[in-house]
Amino acid sequence: MCFWSEKKPNLTPIYHARIFLAQRRSMKTLTELAADLNIPYYRIKYAHLSGKLQEPEKVGGIRIYSRKMIDKVRAYFAGSKNNP
């Protein structure tokens, strides 16, 4: 059987992102970060869209938060809870 006739697995971008996250345990997606901070995900998304928080890197269209970005988001929302 030739290499071009072998069936290759259909790897979606989400699958690639999950492989990437498995390699980097300190990174999180938007929904995982929101769950850890106990806030709705759209509040974080709105902070990015309004320019209050820097946009994180995206892998396959999914926001991937590094440890440094997680700390920035946590500090931003800790300050906003004190000032409603």
PDB file of N, CA and C in Angstrom:
ATOM      1  N   MET A   1       0.844  -1.172   0.000  1.00  0.00           N
ATOM      2  CA  MET A   1       0.000   0.000   0.000  1.00  0.00           C
ATOM      3  C   MET A   1       0.898   1.246   0.000  1.00  0.00           C
ATOM      4  N   CYS A   2       0.574   2.192  -0.825  1.00  0.00           N
ATOM      5  CA  CYS A   2       1.360   3.421  -0.947  1.00  0.00           C
ATOM      6  C   CYS A   2       0.970   4.398   0.154  1.00  0.00           C
ATOM      7  N   PHE A   3       1.890   5.285   0.470  1.00  0.00           N
ATOM      8  CA  PHE A   3       1.637   6.205   1.577  1.00  0.00           C
ATOM      9  C   PHE A   3       0.493   7.175   1.281  1.00  0.00           C
ATOM     10  N   TRP A   4       0.254   7.513   0.018  1.00  0.00           N
ATOM     11  CA  TRP A   4      -0.812   8.459  -0.279  1.00  0.00           C
ATOM     12  C   TRP A   4      -2.192   7.817  -0.281  1.00  0.00           C
ATOM     13  N   SER A   5      -2.225   6.500  -0.310  1.00  0.00           N
ATOM     14  CA  SER A   5      -3.525   5.833  -0.283  1.00  0.00           C
ATOM     15  C   SER A   5      -3.927   5.402   1.127  1.00  0.00           C
ATOM     16  N   GLU A   6      -3.021   5.559   2.095  1.00  0.00           N
ATOM     17  CA  GLU A   6      -3.367   5.217   3.469  1.00  0.00           C
ATOM     18  C   GLU A   6      -4.329   6.251   4.026  1.00  0.00           C
ATOM     19  N   LYS A   7      -5.274   5.781   4.782  1.00  0.00           N
ATOM     20  CA  LYS A   7      -6.251   6.698   5.371  1.00  0.00           C
ATOM     21  C   LYS A   7      -5.629   7.396   6.574  1.00  0.00           C
ATOM     22  N   LYS A   8      -5.676   8.712   6.564  1.00  0.00           N
ATOM     23  CA  LYS A   8      -5.115   9.498   7.653  1.00  0.00           C
ATOM     24  C   LYS A   8      -6.235   9.946   8.585  1.00  0.00           C
ATOM     25  N   PRO A   9      -5.963  10.027   9.866  1.00  0.00           N
ATOM     26  CA  PRO A   9      -7.013  10.459  10.797  1.00  0.00           C
ATOM     27  C   PRO A   9      -7.378  11.923  10.548  1.00  0.00           C
ATOM     28  N   ASN A  10      -8.641  12.245  10.724  1.00  0.00           N
ATOM     29  CA  ASN A  10      -9.121  13.609  10.569  1.00  0.00           C
ATOM     30  C   ASN A  10      -8.948  14.326  11.905  1.00  0.00           C
ATOM     31  N   LEU A  11      -7.897  15.122  12.001  1.00  0.00           N
ATOM     32  CA  LEU A  11      -7.608  15.828  13.245  1.00  0.00           C
ATOM     33  C   LEU A  11      -8.159  17.244  13.157  1.00  0.00           C
ATOM     34  N   THR A  12      -9.114  17.540  13.982  1.00  0.00           N
ATOM     35  CA  THR A  12      -9.714  18.867  13.986  1.00  0.00           C
ATOM     36  C   THR A  12      -8.843  19.830  14.786  1.00  0.00           C
ATOM     37  N   PRO A  13      -9.030  21.147  14.597  1.00  0.00           N
ATOM     38  CA  PRO A  13      -8.265  22.114  15.393  1.00  0.00           C
ATOM     39  C   PRO A  13      -8.468  21.945  16.893  1.00  0.00           C
ATOM     40  N   ILE A  14      -9.673  21.575  17.314  1.00  0.00           N
ATOM     41  CA  ILE A  14      -9.933  21.384  18.745  1.00  0.00           C
ATOM     42  C   ILE A  14      -9.094  20.224  19.275  1.00  0.00           C
ATOM     43  N   TYR A  15      -8.963  19.174  18.474  1.00  0.00           N
ATOM     44  CA  TYR A  15      -8.138  18.040  18.871  1.00  0.00           C
ATOM     45  C   TYR A  15      -6.689  18.477  19.031  1.00  0.00           C
ATOM     46  N   HIS A  16      -6.198  19.274  18.097  1.00  0.00           N
ATOM     47  CA  HIS A  16      -4.827  19.783  18.186  1.00  0.00           C
ATOM     48  C   HIS A  16      -4.653  20.642  19.433  1.00  0.00           C
ATOM     49  N   ALA A  17      -5.625  21.470  19.744  1.00  0.00           N
ATOM     50  CA  ALA A  17      -5.550  22.319  20.933  1.00  0.00           C
ATOM     51  C   ALA A  17      -5.513  21.469  22.193  1.00  0.00           C
ATOM     52  N   ARG A  18      -6.283  20.391  22.223  1.00  0.00           N
ATOM     53  CA  ARG A  18      -6.282  19.533  23.411  1.00  0.00           C
ATOM     54  C   ARG A  18      -4.954  18.807  23.571  1.00  0.00           C
ATOM     55  N   ILE A  19      -4.335  18.416  22.458  1.00  0.00           N
ATOM     56  CA  ILE A  19      -3.005  17.809  22.533  1.00  0.00           C
ATOM     57  C   ILE A  19      -2.020  18.836  23.080  1.00  0.00           C
ATOM     58  N   PHE A  20      -2.115  20.061  22.573  1.00  0.00           N
ATOM     59  CA  PHE A  20      -1.238  21.134  23.030  1.00  0.00           C
ATOM     60  C   PHE A  20      -1.416  21.382  24.523  1.00  0.00           C
ATOM     61  N   LEU A  21      -2.664  21.414  24.985  1.00  0.00           N
ATOM     62  CA  LEU A  21      -2.926  21.636  26.404  1.00  0.00           C
ATOM     63  C   LEU A  21      -2.447  20.470  27.259  1.00  0.00           C
ATOM     64  N   ALA A  22      -2.534  19.273  26.743  1.00  0.00           N
ATOM     65  CA  ALA A  22      -2.059  18.118  27.498  1.00  0.00           C
ATOM     66  C   ALA A  22      -0.550  18.205  27.710  1.00  0.00           C
ATOM     67  N   GLN A  23       0.134  18.782  26.732  1.00  0.00           N
ATOM     68  CA  GLN A  23       1.575  18.942  26.860  1.00  0.00           C
ATOM     69  C   GLN A  23       1.915  20.069  27.827  1.00  0.00           C
ATOM     70  N   ARG A  24       1.067  21.034  27.921  1.00  0.00           N
ATOM     71  CA  ARG A  24       1.317  22.212  28.754  1.00  0.00           C
ATOM     72  C   ARG A  24       0.236  22.298  29.831  1.00  0.00           C
ATOM     73  N   ARG A  25       0.406  21.596  30.899  1.00  0.00           N
ATOM     74  CA  ARG A  25      -0.610  21.528  31.949  1.00  0.00           C
ATOM     75  C   ARG A  25      -0.876  22.864  32.628  1.00  0.00           C
ATOM     76  N   SER A  26       0.067  23.796  32.543  1.00  0.00           N
ATOM     77  CA  SER A  26      -0.129  25.081  33.211  1.00  0.00           C
ATOM     78  C   SER A  26      -0.996  26.025  32.386  1.00  0.00           C
ATOM     79  N   MET A  27      -1.386  25.629  31.188  1.00  0.00           N
ATOM     80  CA  MET A  27      -2.211  26.479  30.331  1.00  0.00           C
ATOM     81  C   MET A  27      -3.668  26.055  30.422  1.00  0.00           C
ATOM     82  N   LYS A  28      -4.562  27.023  30.190  1.00  0.00           N
ATOM     83  CA  LYS A  28      -5.994  26.750  30.282  1.00  0.00           C
ATOM     84  C   LYS A  28      -6.733  27.404  29.130  1.00  0.00           C
ATOM     85  N   THR A  29      -7.926  26.905  28.849  1.00  0.00           N
ATOM     86  CA  THR A  29      -8.803  27.542  27.872  1.00  0.00           C
ATOM     87  C   THR A  29      -9.649  28.582  28.582  1.00  0.00           C
ATOM     88  N   LEU A  30     -10.421  29.338  27.810  1.00  0.00           N
ATOM     89  CA  LEU A  30     -11.270  30.382  28.375  1.00  0.00           C
ATOM     90  C   LEU A  30     -12.277  29.808  29.369  1.00  0.00           C
ATOM     91  N   THR A  31     -12.938  28.729  28.997  1.00  0.00           N
ATOM     92  CA  THR A  31     -13.961  28.167  29.889  1.00  0.00           C
ATOM     93  C   THR A  31     -13.353  27.558  31.151  1.00  0.00           C
ATOM     94  N   GLU A  32     -12.174  26.946  31.016  1.00  0.00           N
ATOM     95  CA  GLU A  32     -11.504  26.393  32.203  1.00  0.00           C
ATOM     96  C   GLU A  32     -11.088  27.514  33.159  1.00  0.00           C
ATOM     97  N   LEU A  33     -10.565  28.605  32.599  1.00  0.00           N
ATOM     98  CA  LEU A  33     -10.159  29.744  33.418  1.00  0.00           C
ATOM     99  C   LEU A  33     -11.362  30.369  34.115  1.00  0.00           C
ATOM    100  N   ALA A  34     -12.455  30.538  33.377  1.00  0.00           N
ATOM    101  CA  ALA A  34     -13.663  31.112  33.967  1.00  0.00           C
ATOM    102  C   ALA A  34     -14.203  30.240  35.094  1.00  0.00           C
ATOM    103  N   ALA A  35     -14.150  28.934  34.913  1.00  0.00           N
ATOM    104  CA  ALA A  35     -14.617  28.027  35.957  1.00  0.00           C
ATOM    105  C   ALA A  35     -13.731  28.125  37.200  1.00  0.00           C
ATOM    106  N   ASP A  36     -12.416  28.238  36.993  1.00  0.00           N
ATOM    107  CA  ASP A  36     -11.493  28.374  38.131  1.00  0.00           C
ATOM    108  C   ASP A  36     -11.717  29.673  38.893  1.00  0.00           C
ATOM    109  N   LEU A  37     -12.032  30.753  38.151  1.00  0.00           N
ATOM    110  CA  LEU A  37     -12.252  32.054  38.784  1.00  0.00           C
ATOM    111  C   LEU A  37     -13.688  32.236  39.279  1.00  0.00           C
ATOM    112  N   ASN A  38     -14.552  31.290  38.932  1.00  0.00           N
ATOM    113  CA  ASN A  38     -15.954  31.321  39.331  1.00  0.00           C
ATOM    114  C   ASN A  38     -16.670  32.567  38.798  1.00  0.00           C
ATOM    115  N   ILE A  39     -16.407  32.883  37.523  1.00  0.00           N
ATOM    116  CA  ILE A  39     -17.090  33.985  36.835  1.00  0.00           C
ATOM    117  C   ILE A  39     -17.554  33.472  35.478  1.00  0.00           C
ATOM    118  N   PRO A  40     -18.552  34.110  34.871  1.00  0.00           N
ATOM    119  CA  PRO A  40     -18.981  33.684  33.536  1.00  0.00           C
ATOM    120  C   PRO A  40     -17.883  33.953  32.499  1.00  0.00           C
ATOM    121  N   TYR A  41     -17.764  33.062  31.522  1.00  0.00           N
ATOM    122  CA  TYR A  41     -16.712  33.195  30.520  1.00  0.00           C
ATOM    123  C   TYR A  41     -16.841  34.480  29.723  1.00  0.00           C
ATOM    124  N   TYR A  42     -18.080  34.969  29.529  1.00  0.00           N
ATOM    125  CA  TYR A  42     -18.275  36.154  28.693  1.00  0.00           C
ATOM    126  C   TYR A  42     -17.733  37.418  29.349  1.00  0.00           C
ATOM    127  N   ARG A  43     -17.548  37.423  30.659  1.00  0.00           N
ATOM    128  CA  ARG A  43     -16.926  38.595  31.298  1.00  0.00           C
ATOM    129  C   ARG A  43     -15.458  38.711  30.903  1.00  0.00           C
ATOM    130  N   ILE A  44     -14.771  37.572  30.821  1.00  0.00           N
ATOM    131  CA  ILE A  44     -13.377  37.581  30.388  1.00  0.00           C
ATOM    132  C   ILE A  44     -13.307  37.973  28.913  1.00  0.00           C
ATOM    133  N   LYS A  45     -14.197  37.403  28.117  1.00  0.00           N
ATOM    134  CA  LYS A  45     -14.223  37.695  26.684  1.00  0.00           C
ATOM    135  C   LYS A  45     -14.490  39.183  26.445  1.00  0.00           C
ATOM    136  N   TYR A  46     -15.412  39.768  27.203  1.00  0.00           N
ATOM    137  CA  TYR A  46     -15.719  41.192  27.065  1.00  0.00           C
ATOM    138  C   TYR A  46     -14.522  42.049  27.466  1.00  0.00           C
ATOM    139  N   ALA A  47     -13.786  41.650  28.495  1.00  0.00           N
ATOM    140  CA  ALA A  47     -12.597  42.406  28.908  1.00  0.00           C
ATOM    141  C   ALA A  47     -11.556  42.415  27.790  1.00  0.00           C
ATOM    142  N   HIS A  48     -11.467  41.337  27.028  1.00  0.00           N
ATOM    143  CA  HIS A  48     -10.555  41.305  25.878  1.00  0.00           C
ATOM    144  C   HIS A  48     -11.065  42.218  24.771  1.00  0.00           C
ATOM    145  N   LEU A  49     -12.354  42.105  24.453  1.00  0.00           N
ATOM    146  CA  LEU A  49     -12.918  42.888  23.358  1.00  0.00           C
ATOM    147  C   LEU A  49     -12.903  44.387  23.644  1.00  0.00           C
ATOM    148  N   SER A  50     -13.042  44.766  24.904  1.00  0.00           N
ATOM    149  CA  SER A  50     -13.039  46.185  25.256  1.00  0.00           C
ATOM    150  C   SER A  50     -11.623  46.743  25.425  1.00  0.00           C
ATOM    151  N   GLY A  51     -10.615  45.871  25.352  1.00  0.00           N
ATOM    152  CA  GLY A  51      -9.228  46.314  25.431  1.00  0.00           C
ATOM    153  C   GLY A  51      -8.683  46.444  26.840  1.00  0.00           C
ATOM    154  N   LYS A  52      -9.420  45.977  27.818  1.00  0.00           N
ATOM    155  CA  LYS A  52      -8.954  46.069  29.207  1.00  0.00           C
ATOM    156  C   LYS A  52      -7.946  44.979  29.547  1.00  0.00           C
ATOM    157  N   LEU A  53      -8.039  43.863  28.849  1.00  0.00           N
ATOM    158  CA  LEU A  53      -7.087  42.763  29.005  1.00  0.00           C
ATOM    159  C   LEU A  53      -6.499  42.426  27.639  1.00  0.00           C
ATOM    160  N   GLN A  54      -5.230  42.079  27.625  1.00  0.00           N
ATOM    161  CA  GLN A  54      -4.559  41.682  26.395  1.00  0.00           C
ATOM    162  C   GLN A  54      -5.136  40.357  25.905  1.00  0.00           C
ATOM    163  N   GLU A  55      -5.299  40.235  24.594  1.00  0.00           N
ATOM    164  CA  GLU A  55      -5.823  39.008  23.997  1.00  0.00           C
ATOM    165  C   GLU A  55      -4.754  37.908  24.071  1.00  0.00           C
ATOM    166  N   PRO A  56      -5.103  36.703  24.552  1.00  0.00           N
ATOM    167  CA  PRO A  56      -4.104  35.616  24.625  1.00  0.00           C
ATOM    168  C   PRO A  56      -3.898  34.978  23.250  1.00  0.00           C
ATOM    169  N   GLU A  57      -2.927  34.084  23.170  1.00  0.00           N
ATOM    170  CA  GLU A  57      -2.697  33.356  21.927  1.00  0.00           C
ATOM    171  C   GLU A  57      -3.868  32.430  21.652  1.00  0.00           C
ATOM    172  N   LYS A  58      -4.094  32.150  20.357  1.00  0.00           N
ATOM    173  CA  LYS A  58      -5.148  31.221  19.976  1.00  0.00           C
ATOM    174  C   LYS A  58      -4.536  30.043  19.249  1.00  0.00           C
ATOM    175  N   VAL A  59      -5.046  28.865  19.556  1.00  0.00           N
ATOM    176  CA  VAL A  59      -4.650  27.637  18.872  1.00  0.00           C
ATOM    177  C   VAL A  59      -5.923  27.029  18.315  1.00  0.00           C
ATOM    178  N   GLY A  60      -6.022  26.995  17.011  1.00  0.00           N
ATOM    179  CA  GLY A  60      -7.230  26.463  16.384  1.00  0.00           C
ATOM    180  C   GLY A  60      -8.464  27.271  16.735  1.00  0.00           C
ATOM    181  N   GLY A  61      -8.319  28.581  16.950  1.00  0.00           N
ATOM    182  CA  GLY A  61      -9.440  29.443  17.283  1.00  0.00           C
ATOM    183  C   GLY A  61      -9.819  29.427  18.757  1.00  0.00           C
ATOM    184  N   ILE A  62      -9.067  28.708  19.575  1.00  0.00           N
ATOM    185  CA  ILE A  62      -9.362  28.612  21.004  1.00  0.00           C
ATOM    186  C   ILE A  62      -8.331  29.426  21.765  1.00  0.00           C
ATOM    187  N   ARG A  63      -8.806  30.295  22.651  1.00  0.00           N
ATOM    188  CA  ARG A  63      -7.888  31.092  23.460  1.00  0.00           C
ATOM    189  C   ARG A  63      -7.145  30.188  24.447  1.00  0.00           C
ATOM    190  N   ILE A  64      -5.820  30.331  24.471  1.00  0.00           N
ATOM    191  CA  ILE A  64      -4.985  29.537  25.358  1.00  0.00           C
ATOM    192  C   ILE A  64      -4.280  30.495  26.311  1.00  0.00           C
ATOM    193  N   TYR A  65      -4.538  30.340  27.599  1.00  0.00           N
ATOM    194  CA  TYR A  65      -3.989  31.232  28.618  1.00  0.00           C
ATOM    195  C   TYR A  65      -2.763  30.601  29.264  1.00  0.00           C
ATOM    196  N   SER A  66      -1.641  31.310  29.195  1.00  0.00           N
ATOM    197  CA  SER A  66      -0.424  30.866  29.872  1.00  0.00           C
ATOM    198  C   SER A  66      -0.538  31.217  31.357  1.00  0.00           C
ATOM    199  N   ARG A  67       0.409  30.756  32.138  1.00  0.00           N
ATOM    200  CA  ARG A  67       0.400  31.045  33.582  1.00  0.00           C
ATOM    201  C   ARG A  67       0.446  32.561  33.817  1.00  0.00           C
ATOM    202  N   LYS A  68       1.231  33.278  33.016  1.00  0.00           N
ATOM    203  CA  LYS A  68       1.347  34.726  33.161  1.00  0.00           C
ATOM    204  C   LYS A  68       0.017  35.421  32.864  1.00  0.00           C
ATOM    205  N   MET A  69      -0.668  34.990  31.797  1.00  0.00           N
ATOM    206  CA  MET A  69      -1.969  35.575  31.447  1.00  0.00           C
ATOM    207  C   MET A  69      -3.027  35.224  32.495  1.00  0.00           C
ATOM    208  N   ILE A  70      -2.950  34.022  33.039  1.00  0.00           N
ATOM    209  CA  ILE A  70      -3.900  33.613  34.076  1.00  0.00           C
ATOM    210  C   ILE A  70      -3.770  34.533  35.286  1.00  0.00           C
ATOM    211  N   ASP A  71      -2.531  34.840  35.666  1.00  0.00           N
ATOM    212  CA  ASP A  71      -2.306  35.740  36.799  1.00  0.00           C
ATOM    213  C   ASP A  71      -2.837  37.141  36.518  1.00  0.00           C
ATOM    214  N   LYS A  72      -2.680  37.630  35.272  1.00  0.00           N
ATOM    215  CA  LYS A  72      -3.188  38.958  34.911  1.00  0.00           C
ATOM    216  C   LYS A  72      -4.714  39.004  34.967  1.00  0.00           C
ATOM    217  N   VAL A  73      -5.347  37.961  34.447  1.00  0.00           N
ATOM    218  CA  VAL A  73      -6.814  37.904  34.464  1.00  0.00           C
ATOM    219  C   VAL A  73      -7.317  37.811  35.900  1.00  0.00           C
ATOM    220  N   ARG A  74      -6.661  36.997  36.700  1.00  0.00           N
ATOM    221  CA  ARG A  74      -7.050  36.841  38.110  1.00  0.00           C
ATOM    222  C   ARG A  74      -6.926  38.179  38.848  1.00  0.00           C
ATOM    223  N   ALA A  75      -5.831  38.905  38.610  1.00  0.00           N
ATOM    224  CA  ALA A  75      -5.628  40.209  39.257  1.00  0.00           C
ATOM    225  C   ALA A  75      -6.657  41.224  38.779  1.00  0.00           C
ATOM    226  N   TYR A  76      -6.987  41.210  37.503  1.00  0.00           N
ATOM    227  CA  TYR A  76      -7.983  42.146  36.962  1.00  0.00           C
ATOM    228  C   TYR A  76      -9.345  41.923  37.620  1.00  0.00           C
ATOM    229  N   PHE A  77      -9.761  40.684  37.709  1.00  0.00           N
ATOM    230  CA  PHE A  77     -11.083  40.417  38.273  1.00  0.00           C
ATOM    231  C   PHE A  77     -11.096  40.492  39.796  1.00  0.00           C
ATOM    232  N   ALA A  78      -9.957  40.317  40.431  1.00  0.00           N
ATOM    233  CA  ALA A  78      -9.903  40.526  41.887  1.00  0.00           C
ATOM    234  C   ALA A  78     -10.096  42.006  42.189  1.00  0.00           C
ATOM    235  N   GLY A  79      -9.538  42.872  41.343  1.00  0.00           N
ATOM    236  CA  GLY A  79      -9.709  44.311  41.517  1.00  0.00           C
ATOM    237  C   GLY A  79     -11.104  44.782  41.172  1.00  0.00           C
ATOM    238  N   SER A  80     -11.738  44.143  40.187  1.00  0.00           N
ATOM    239  CA  SER A  80     -13.087  44.568  39.789  1.00  0.00           C
ATOM    240  C   SER A  80     -14.142  44.120  40.795  1.00  0.00           C
ATOM    241  N   LYS A  81     -13.861  43.088  41.582  1.00  0.00           N
ATOM    242  CA  LYS A  81     -14.828  42.663  42.601  1.00  0.00           C
ATOM    243  C   LYS A  81     -14.873  43.673  43.749  1.00  0.00           C
ATOM    244  N   ASN A  82     -13.733  44.337  43.990  1.00  0.00           N
ATOM    245  CA  ASN A  82     -13.714  45.355  45.029  1.00  0.00           C
ATOM    246  C   ASN A  82     -14.419  46.628  44.596  1.00  0.00           C
ATOM    247  N   ASN A  83     -14.433  46.878  43.288  1.00  0.00           N
ATOM    248  CA  ASN A  83     -15.066  48.072  42.736  1.00  0.00           C
ATOM    249  C   ASN A  83     -16.180  47.666  41.796  1.00  0.00           C
ATOM    250  N   PRO A  84     -17.411  47.521  42.259  1.00  0.00           N
ATOM    251  CA  PRO A  84     -18.497  47.050  41.387  1.00  0.00           C
ATOM    252  C   PRO A  84     -18.889  47.986  40.313  1.00  0.00           C
TER     253      PRO A  84
END
